[in-house]
């Protein structure tokens, strides 16, 4: 099995956005799969951007496969 990426970007991976007819660094953003802080055997989906991370509603206590499936759905990859 190949290694999966734990980050699912909703914008450009380099963090650049085209705003007001120019390129501006806004930081990377998207969803990330991490181990759940309450149970090391479970995983969670968090929303990340340049300012930090916040847990995604309904994205805690998942199996690793379910967490990756949720993150992929959130960015429209399936």
PDB file of N, CA and C in Angstrom:
ATOM      1  N   UNK A   1       0.849  -1.185   0.000  1.00  0.00           N
ATOM      2  CA  UNK A   1       0.000   0.000   0.000  1.00  0.00           C
ATOM      3  C   UNK A   1       0.895   1.248   0.000  1.00  0.00           C
ATOM      4  N   UNK A   2       0.601   2.185  -0.857  1.00  0.00           N
ATOM      5  CA  UNK A   2       1.414   3.399  -0.926  1.00  0.00           C
ATOM      6  C   UNK A   2       1.034   4.363   0.206  1.00  0.00           C
ATOM      7  N   UNK A   3       1.982   5.209   0.537  1.00  0.00           N
ATOM      8  CA  UNK A   3       1.776   6.188   1.615  1.00  0.00           C
ATOM      9  C   UNK A   3       0.795   7.264   1.159  1.00  0.00           C
ATOM     10  N   UNK A   4      -0.187   7.559   2.004  1.00  0.00           N
ATOM     11  CA  UNK A   4      -1.173   8.598   1.696  1.00  0.00           C
ATOM     12  C   UNK A   4      -0.721   9.928   2.258  1.00  0.00           C
ATOM     13  N   UNK A   5      -1.115  10.980   1.576  1.00  0.00           N
ATOM     14  CA  UNK A   5      -0.867  12.315   2.098  1.00  0.00           C
ATOM     15  C   UNK A   5      -1.902  12.604   3.183  1.00  0.00           C
ATOM     16  N   UNK A   6      -1.496  13.271   4.242  1.00  0.00           N
ATOM     17  CA  UNK A   6      -2.424  13.615   5.310  1.00  0.00           C
ATOM     18  C   UNK A   6      -3.045  14.985   5.111  1.00  0.00           C
ATOM     19  N   UNK A   7      -2.657  15.694   4.044  1.00  0.00           N
ATOM     20  CA  UNK A   7      -3.202  17.023   3.790  1.00  0.00           C
ATOM     21  C   UNK A   7      -4.005  17.030   2.502  1.00  0.00           C
ATOM     22  N   UNK A   8      -5.165  17.657   2.565  1.00  0.00           N
ATOM     23  CA  UNK A   8      -6.065  17.798   1.430  1.00  0.00           C
ATOM     24  C   UNK A   8      -6.307  19.292   1.244  1.00  0.00           C
ATOM     25  N   UNK A   9      -5.658  19.869   0.253  1.00  0.00           N
ATOM     26  CA  UNK A   9      -5.688  21.318   0.061  1.00  0.00           C
ATOM     27  C   UNK A   9      -6.945  21.762  -0.684  1.00  0.00           C
ATOM     28  N   UNK A  10      -7.512  22.890  -0.245  1.00  0.00           N
ATOM     29  CA  UNK A  10      -8.664  23.477  -0.921  1.00  0.00           C
ATOM     30  C   UNK A  10      -8.246  24.612  -1.838  1.00  0.00           C
ATOM     31  N   UNK A  11      -7.039  25.074  -1.701  1.00  0.00           N
ATOM     32  CA  UNK A  11      -6.493  26.114  -2.568  1.00  0.00           C
ATOM     33  C   UNK A  11      -5.194  25.623  -3.151  1.00  0.00           C
ATOM     34  N   UNK A  12      -4.363  26.533  -3.593  1.00  0.00           N
ATOM     35  CA  UNK A  12      -3.068  26.124  -4.120  1.00  0.00           C
ATOM     36  C   UNK A  12      -2.164  25.696  -2.960  1.00  0.00           C
ATOM     37  N   UNK A  13      -1.356  24.683  -3.208  1.00  0.00           N
ATOM     38  CA  UNK A  13      -0.497  24.155  -2.153  1.00  0.00           C
ATOM     39  C   UNK A  13       0.599  25.127  -1.739  1.00  0.00           C
ATOM     40  N   UNK A  14       0.964  26.065  -2.621  1.00  0.00           N
ATOM     41  CA  UNK A  14       2.014  27.019  -2.269  1.00  0.00           C
ATOM     42  C   UNK A  14       1.459  28.240  -1.538  1.00  0.00           C
ATOM     43  N   UNK A  15       0.135  28.308  -1.364  1.00  0.00           N
ATOM     44  CA  UNK A  15      -0.469  29.378  -0.589  1.00  0.00           C
ATOM     45  C   UNK A  15      -0.713  30.678  -1.325  1.00  0.00           C
ATOM     46  N   UNK A  16      -0.542  30.685  -2.638  1.00  0.00           N
ATOM     47  CA  UNK A  16      -0.744  31.905  -3.409  1.00  0.00           C
ATOM     48  C   UNK A  16      -2.186  31.979  -3.918  1.00  0.00           C
ATOM     49  N   UNK A  17      -2.775  33.176  -3.839  1.00  0.00           N
ATOM     50  CA  UNK A  17      -4.126  33.423  -4.327  1.00  0.00           C
ATOM     51  C   UNK A  17      -4.106  34.659  -5.221  1.00  0.00           C
ATOM     52  N   UNK A  18      -4.942  34.636  -6.258  1.00  0.00           N
ATOM     53  CA  UNK A  18      -5.031  35.782  -7.166  1.00  0.00           C
ATOM     54  C   UNK A  18      -6.151  36.685  -6.662  1.00  0.00           C
ATOM     55  N   UNK A  19      -5.781  37.818  -6.068  1.00  0.00           N
ATOM     56  CA  UNK A  19      -6.736  38.749  -5.470  1.00  0.00           C
ATOM     57  C   UNK A  19      -6.457  40.142  -6.013  1.00  0.00           C
ATOM     58  N   UNK A  20      -7.499  40.810  -6.478  1.00  0.00           N
ATOM     59  CA  UNK A  20      -7.386  42.186  -6.991  1.00  0.00           C
ATOM     60  C   UNK A  20      -6.297  42.320  -8.059  1.00  0.00           C
ATOM     61  N   UNK A  21      -6.336  41.414  -9.030  1.00  0.00           N
ATOM     62  CA  UNK A  21      -5.429  41.439 -10.184  1.00  0.00           C
ATOM     63  C   UNK A  21      -3.950  41.284  -9.827  1.00  0.00           C
ATOM     64  N   UNK A  22      -3.658  40.611  -8.718  1.00  0.00           N
ATOM     65  CA  UNK A  22      -2.264  40.330  -8.370  1.00  0.00           C
ATOM     66  C   UNK A  22      -2.204  39.078  -7.506  1.00  0.00           C
ATOM     67  N   UNK A  23      -1.042  38.435  -7.494  1.00  0.00           N
ATOM     68  CA  UNK A  23      -0.820  37.255  -6.674  1.00  0.00           C
ATOM     69  C   UNK A  23      -0.422  37.675  -5.265  1.00  0.00           C
ATOM     70  N   UNK A  24      -1.094  37.086  -4.283  1.00  0.00           N
ATOM     71  CA  UNK A  24      -0.863  37.417  -2.878  1.00  0.00           C
ATOM     72  C   UNK A  24      -0.681  36.114  -2.104  1.00  0.00           C
ATOM     73  N   UNK A  25       0.281  36.096  -1.174  1.00  0.00           N
ATOM     74  CA  UNK A  25       0.452  34.924  -0.328  1.00  0.00           C
ATOM     75  C   UNK A  25      -0.599  34.956   0.774  1.00  0.00           C
ATOM     76  N   UNK A  26      -1.511  33.984   0.758  1.00  0.00           N
ATOM     77  CA  UNK A  26      -2.551  33.882   1.787  1.00  0.00           C
ATOM     78  C   UNK A  26      -2.336  32.666   2.672  1.00  0.00           C
ATOM     79  N   UNK A  27      -1.389  31.824   2.315  1.00  0.00           N
ATOM     80  CA  UNK A  27      -1.106  30.627   3.101  1.00  0.00           C
ATOM     81  C   UNK A  27      -1.898  29.433   2.606  1.00  0.00           C
ATOM     82  N   UNK A  28      -1.374  28.263   2.883  1.00  0.00           N
ATOM     83  CA  UNK A  28      -2.070  27.032   2.507  1.00  0.00           C
ATOM     84  C   UNK A  28      -3.320  26.866   3.363  1.00  0.00           C
ATOM     85  N   UNK A  29      -4.327  26.210   2.797  1.00  0.00           N
ATOM     86  CA  UNK A  29      -5.545  25.930   3.551  1.00  0.00           C
ATOM     87  C   UNK A  29      -6.162  24.642   3.057  1.00  0.00           C
ATOM     88  N   UNK A  30      -6.925  23.992   3.934  1.00  0.00           N
ATOM     89  CA  UNK A  30      -7.576  22.753   3.568  1.00  0.00           C
ATOM     90  C   UNK A  30      -7.901  21.923   4.795  1.00  0.00           C
ATOM     91  N   UNK A  31      -7.839  20.602   4.628  1.00  0.00           N
ATOM     92  CA  UNK A  31      -8.169  19.664   5.695  1.00  0.00           C
ATOM     93  C   UNK A  31      -6.983  18.731   5.907  1.00  0.00           C
ATOM     94  N   UNK A  32      -6.794  18.325   7.148  1.00  0.00           N
ATOM     95  CA  UNK A  32      -5.665  17.475   7.523  1.00  0.00           C
ATOM     96  C   UNK A  32      -6.196  16.306   8.357  1.00  0.00           C
ATOM     97  N   UNK A  33      -5.648  15.117   8.137  1.00  0.00           N
ATOM     98  CA  UNK A  33      -5.976  13.927   8.927  1.00  0.00           C
ATOM     99  C   UNK A  33      -4.891  13.753   9.975  1.00  0.00           C
ATOM    100  N   UNK A  34      -5.309  13.674  11.248  1.00  0.00           N
ATOM    101  CA  UNK A  34      -4.371  13.534  12.371  1.00  0.00           C
ATOM    102  C   UNK A  34      -4.876  12.460  13.324  1.00  0.00           C
ATOM    103  N   UNK A  35      -3.984  11.980  14.188  1.00  0.00           N
ATOM    104  CA  UNK A  35      -4.437  11.071  15.236  1.00  0.00           C
ATOM    105  C   UNK A  35      -5.286  11.853  16.217  1.00  0.00           C
ATOM    106  N   UNK A  36      -6.357  11.228  16.682  1.00  0.00           N
ATOM    107  CA  UNK A  36      -7.263  11.878  17.635  1.00  0.00           C
ATOM    108  C   UNK A  36      -6.544  12.095  18.955  1.00  0.00           C
ATOM    109  N   UNK A  37      -6.737  13.249  19.545  1.00  0.00           N
ATOM    110  CA  UNK A  37      -6.058  13.575  20.803  1.00  0.00           C
ATOM    111  C   UNK A  37      -6.612  12.773  21.982  1.00  0.00           C
ATOM    112  N   UNK A  38      -7.839  12.263  21.877  1.00  0.00           N
ATOM    113  CA  UNK A  38      -8.442  11.506  22.971  1.00  0.00           C
ATOM    114  C   UNK A  38      -8.125  10.013  22.915  1.00  0.00           C
ATOM    115  N   UNK A  39      -7.872   9.475  21.724  1.00  0.00           N
ATOM    116  CA  UNK A  39      -7.633   8.044  21.572  1.00  0.00           C
ATOM    117  C   UNK A  39      -6.621   7.848  20.441  1.00  0.00           C
ATOM    118  N   UNK A  40      -5.457   7.309  20.764  1.00  0.00           N
ATOM    119  CA  UNK A  40      -4.378   7.167  19.786  1.00  0.00           C
ATOM    120  C   UNK A  40      -4.713   6.173  18.674  1.00  0.00           C
ATOM    121  N   UNK A  41      -5.759   5.341  18.848  1.00  0.00           N
ATOM    122  CA  UNK A  41      -6.132   4.371  17.818  1.00  0.00           C
ATOM    123  C   UNK A  41      -7.113   4.962  16.807  1.00  0.00           C
ATOM    124  N   UNK A  42      -7.624   6.151  17.084  1.00  0.00           N
ATOM    125  CA  UNK A  42      -8.598   6.790  16.203  1.00  0.00           C
ATOM    126  C   UNK A  42      -7.996   8.033  15.557  1.00  0.00           C
ATOM    127  N   UNK A  43      -8.674   8.537  14.550  1.00  0.00           N
ATOM    128  CA  UNK A  43      -8.186   9.685  13.798  1.00  0.00           C
ATOM    129  C   UNK A  43      -9.241  10.777  13.761  1.00  0.00           C
ATOM    130  N   UNK A  44      -8.789  11.983  13.391  1.00  0.00           N
ATOM    131  CA  UNK A  44      -9.692  13.127  13.301  1.00  0.00           C
ATOM    132  C   UNK A  44      -9.347  13.950  12.065  1.00  0.00           C
ATOM    133  N   UNK A  45     -10.323  14.741  11.603  1.00  0.00           N
ATOM    134  CA  UNK A  45     -10.133  15.658  10.488  1.00  0.00           C
ATOM    135  C   UNK A  45     -10.153  17.071  11.052  1.00  0.00           C
ATOM    136  N   UNK A  46      -9.139  17.865  10.712  1.00  0.00           N
ATOM    137  CA  UNK A  46      -9.078  19.256  11.159  1.00  0.00           C
ATOM    138  C   UNK A  46      -9.006  20.168   9.945  1.00  0.00           C
ATOM    139  N   UNK A  47      -9.548  21.360  10.085  1.00  0.00           N
ATOM    140  CA  UNK A  47      -9.466  22.397   9.056  1.00  0.00           C
ATOM    141  C   UNK A  47      -8.231  23.229   9.376  1.00  0.00           C
ATOM    142  N   UNK A  48      -7.357  23.455   8.402  1.00  0.00           N
ATOM    143  CA  UNK A  48      -6.169  24.258   8.664  1.00  0.00           C
ATOM    144  C   UNK A  48      -6.074  25.421   7.689  1.00  0.00           C
ATOM    145  N   UNK A  49      -5.433  26.467   8.152  1.00  0.00           N
ATOM    146  CA  UNK A  49      -5.074  27.613   7.316  1.00  0.00           C
ATOM    147  C   UNK A  49      -3.839  28.250   7.928  1.00  0.00           C
ATOM    148  N   UNK A  50      -3.480  29.418   7.461  1.00  0.00           N
ATOM    149  CA  UNK A  50      -2.238  30.055   7.918  1.00  0.00           C
ATOM    150  C   UNK A  50      -2.252  30.386   9.409  1.00  0.00           C
ATOM    151  N   UNK A  51      -3.433  30.517  10.009  1.00  0.00           N
ATOM    152  CA  UNK A  51      -3.499  30.905  11.416  1.00  0.00           C
ATOM    153  C   UNK A  51      -3.581  29.730  12.382  1.00  0.00           C
ATOM    154  N   UNK A  52      -3.812  28.506  11.897  1.00  0.00           N
ATOM    155  CA  UNK A  52      -3.855  27.360  12.796  1.00  0.00           C
ATOM    156  C   UNK A  52      -4.803  26.277  12.330  1.00  0.00           C
ATOM    157  N   UNK A  53      -5.213  25.438  13.283  1.00  0.00           N
ATOM    158  CA  UNK A  53      -6.092  24.301  13.010  1.00  0.00           C
ATOM    159  C   UNK A  53      -7.306  24.344  13.928  1.00  0.00           C
ATOM    160  N   UNK A  54      -8.436  23.873  13.407  1.00  0.00           N
ATOM    161  CA  UNK A  54      -9.631  23.685  14.228  1.00  0.00           C
ATOM    162  C   UNK A  54     -10.254  22.341  13.857  1.00  0.00           C
ATOM    163  N   UNK A  55     -10.705  21.573  14.852  1.00  0.00           N
ATOM    164  CA  UNK A  55     -11.346  20.291  14.541  1.00  0.00           C
ATOM    165  C   UNK A  55     -12.602  20.504  13.691  1.00  0.00           C
ATOM    166  N   UNK A  56     -12.811  19.642  12.709  1.00  0.00           N
ATOM    167  CA  UNK A  56     -13.984  19.725  11.853  1.00  0.00           C
ATOM    168  C   UNK A  56     -15.138  19.010  12.536  1.00  0.00           C
ATOM    169  N   UNK A  57     -16.323  19.619  12.529  1.00  0.00           N
ATOM    170  CA  UNK A  57     -17.503  19.046  13.178  1.00  0.00           C
ATOM    171  C   UNK A  57     -17.806  17.665  12.592  1.00  0.00           C
ATOM    172  N   UNK A  58     -17.922  16.665  13.456  1.00  0.00           N
ATOM    173  CA  UNK A  58     -18.214  15.303  13.023  1.00  0.00           C
ATOM    174  C   UNK A  58     -16.989  14.540  12.549  1.00  0.00           C
ATOM    175  N   UNK A  59     -15.811  15.133  12.674  1.00  0.00           N
ATOM    176  CA  UNK A  59     -14.606  14.520  12.161  1.00  0.00           C
ATOM    177  C   UNK A  59     -13.706  13.915  13.219  1.00  0.00           C
ATOM    178  N   UNK A  60     -14.246  13.574  14.384  1.00  0.00           N
ATOM    179  CA  UNK A  60     -13.426  12.967  15.450  1.00  0.00           C
ATOM    180  C   UNK A  60     -13.855  11.530  15.688  1.00  0.00           C
ATOM    181  N   UNK A  61     -12.916  10.729  16.190  1.00  0.00           N
ATOM    182  CA  UNK A  61     -13.215   9.340  16.543  1.00  0.00           C
ATOM    183  C   UNK A  61     -13.438   8.453  15.336  1.00  0.00           C
ATOM    184  N   UNK A  62     -12.728   8.713  14.243  1.00  0.00           N
ATOM    185  CA  UNK A  62     -12.897   7.959  13.002  1.00  0.00           C
ATOM    186  C   UNK A  62     -11.746   6.979  12.804  1.00  0.00           C
ATOM    187  N   UNK A  63     -12.004   5.946  12.023  1.00  0.00           N
ATOM    188  CA  UNK A  63     -10.895   5.087  11.610  1.00  0.00           C
ATOM    189  C   UNK A  63     -10.054   5.877  10.613  1.00  0.00           C
ATOM    190  N   UNK A  64      -8.842   5.417  10.358  1.00  0.00           N
ATOM    191  CA  UNK A  64      -7.963   6.146   9.430  1.00  0.00           C
ATOM    192  C   UNK A  64      -8.578   6.223   8.033  1.00  0.00           C
ATOM    193  N   UNK A  65      -9.152   5.119   7.554  1.00  0.00           N
ATOM    194  CA  UNK A  65      -9.769   5.123   6.228  1.00  0.00           C
ATOM    195  C   UNK A  65     -10.961   6.069   6.162  1.00  0.00           C
ATOM    196  N   UNK A  66     -11.787   6.084   7.215  1.00  0.00           N
ATOM    197  CA  UNK A  66     -12.948   6.978   7.243  1.00  0.00           C
ATOM    198  C   UNK A  66     -12.522   8.444   7.295  1.00  0.00           C
ATOM    199  N   UNK A  67     -11.461   8.745   8.039  1.00  0.00           N
ATOM    200  CA  UNK A  67     -10.973  10.121   8.123  1.00  0.00           C
ATOM    201  C   UNK A  67     -10.456  10.592   6.763  1.00  0.00           C
ATOM    202  N   UNK A  68      -9.715   9.744   6.059  1.00  0.00           N
ATOM    203  CA  UNK A  68      -9.223  10.113   4.729  1.00  0.00           C
ATOM    204  C   UNK A  68     -10.386  10.267   3.743  1.00  0.00           C
ATOM    205  N   UNK A  69     -11.376   9.400   3.842  1.00  0.00           N
ATOM    206  CA  UNK A  69     -12.541   9.502   2.957  1.00  0.00           C
ATOM    207  C   UNK A  69     -13.296  10.803   3.212  1.00  0.00           C
ATOM    208  N   UNK A  70     -13.443  11.199   4.476  1.00  0.00           N
ATOM    209  CA  UNK A  70     -14.136  12.441   4.799  1.00  0.00           C
ATOM    210  C   UNK A  70     -13.362  13.656   4.260  1.00  0.00           C
ATOM    211  N   UNK A  71     -12.050  13.692   4.465  1.00  0.00           N
ATOM    212  CA  UNK A  71     -11.251  14.797   3.975  1.00  0.00           C
ATOM    213  C   UNK A  71     -11.307  14.893   2.446  1.00  0.00           C
ATOM    214  N   UNK A  72     -11.266  13.761   1.780  1.00  0.00           N
ATOM    215  CA  UNK A  72     -11.346  13.761   0.312  1.00  0.00           C
ATOM    216  C   UNK A  72     -12.720  14.262  -0.164  1.00  0.00           C
ATOM    217  N   UNK A  73     -13.786  13.878   0.535  1.00  0.00           N
ATOM    218  CA  UNK A  73     -15.131  14.373   0.194  1.00  0.00           C
ATOM    219  C   UNK A  73     -15.216  15.877   0.389  1.00  0.00           C
ATOM    220  N   UNK A  74     -14.634  16.383   1.454  1.00  0.00           N
ATOM    221  CA  UNK A  74     -14.709  17.813   1.760  1.00  0.00           C
ATOM    222  C   UNK A  74     -14.042  18.681   0.690  1.00  0.00           C
ATOM    223  N   UNK A  75     -13.013  18.163   0.059  1.00  0.00           N
ATOM    224  CA  UNK A  75     -12.346  18.932  -1.003  1.00  0.00           C
ATOM    225  C   UNK A  75     -12.828  18.546  -2.395  1.00  0.00           C
ATOM    226  N   UNK A  76     -13.780  17.623  -2.465  1.00  0.00           N
ATOM    227  CA  UNK A  76     -14.374  17.254  -3.752  1.00  0.00           C
ATOM    228  C   UNK A  76     -13.556  16.309  -4.593  1.00  0.00           C
ATOM    229  N   UNK A  77     -12.794  15.429  -3.964  1.00  0.00           N
ATOM    230  CA  UNK A  77     -11.974  14.480  -4.710  1.00  0.00           C
ATOM    231  C   UNK A  77     -12.664  13.160  -5.021  1.00  0.00           C
ATOM    232  N   UNK A  78     -13.902  12.984  -4.602  1.00  0.00           N
ATOM    233  CA  UNK A  78     -14.573  11.730  -4.955  1.00  0.00           C
ATOM    234  C   UNK A  78     -16.004  11.955  -5.284  1.00  0.00           C
TER     235      UNK A  78
END
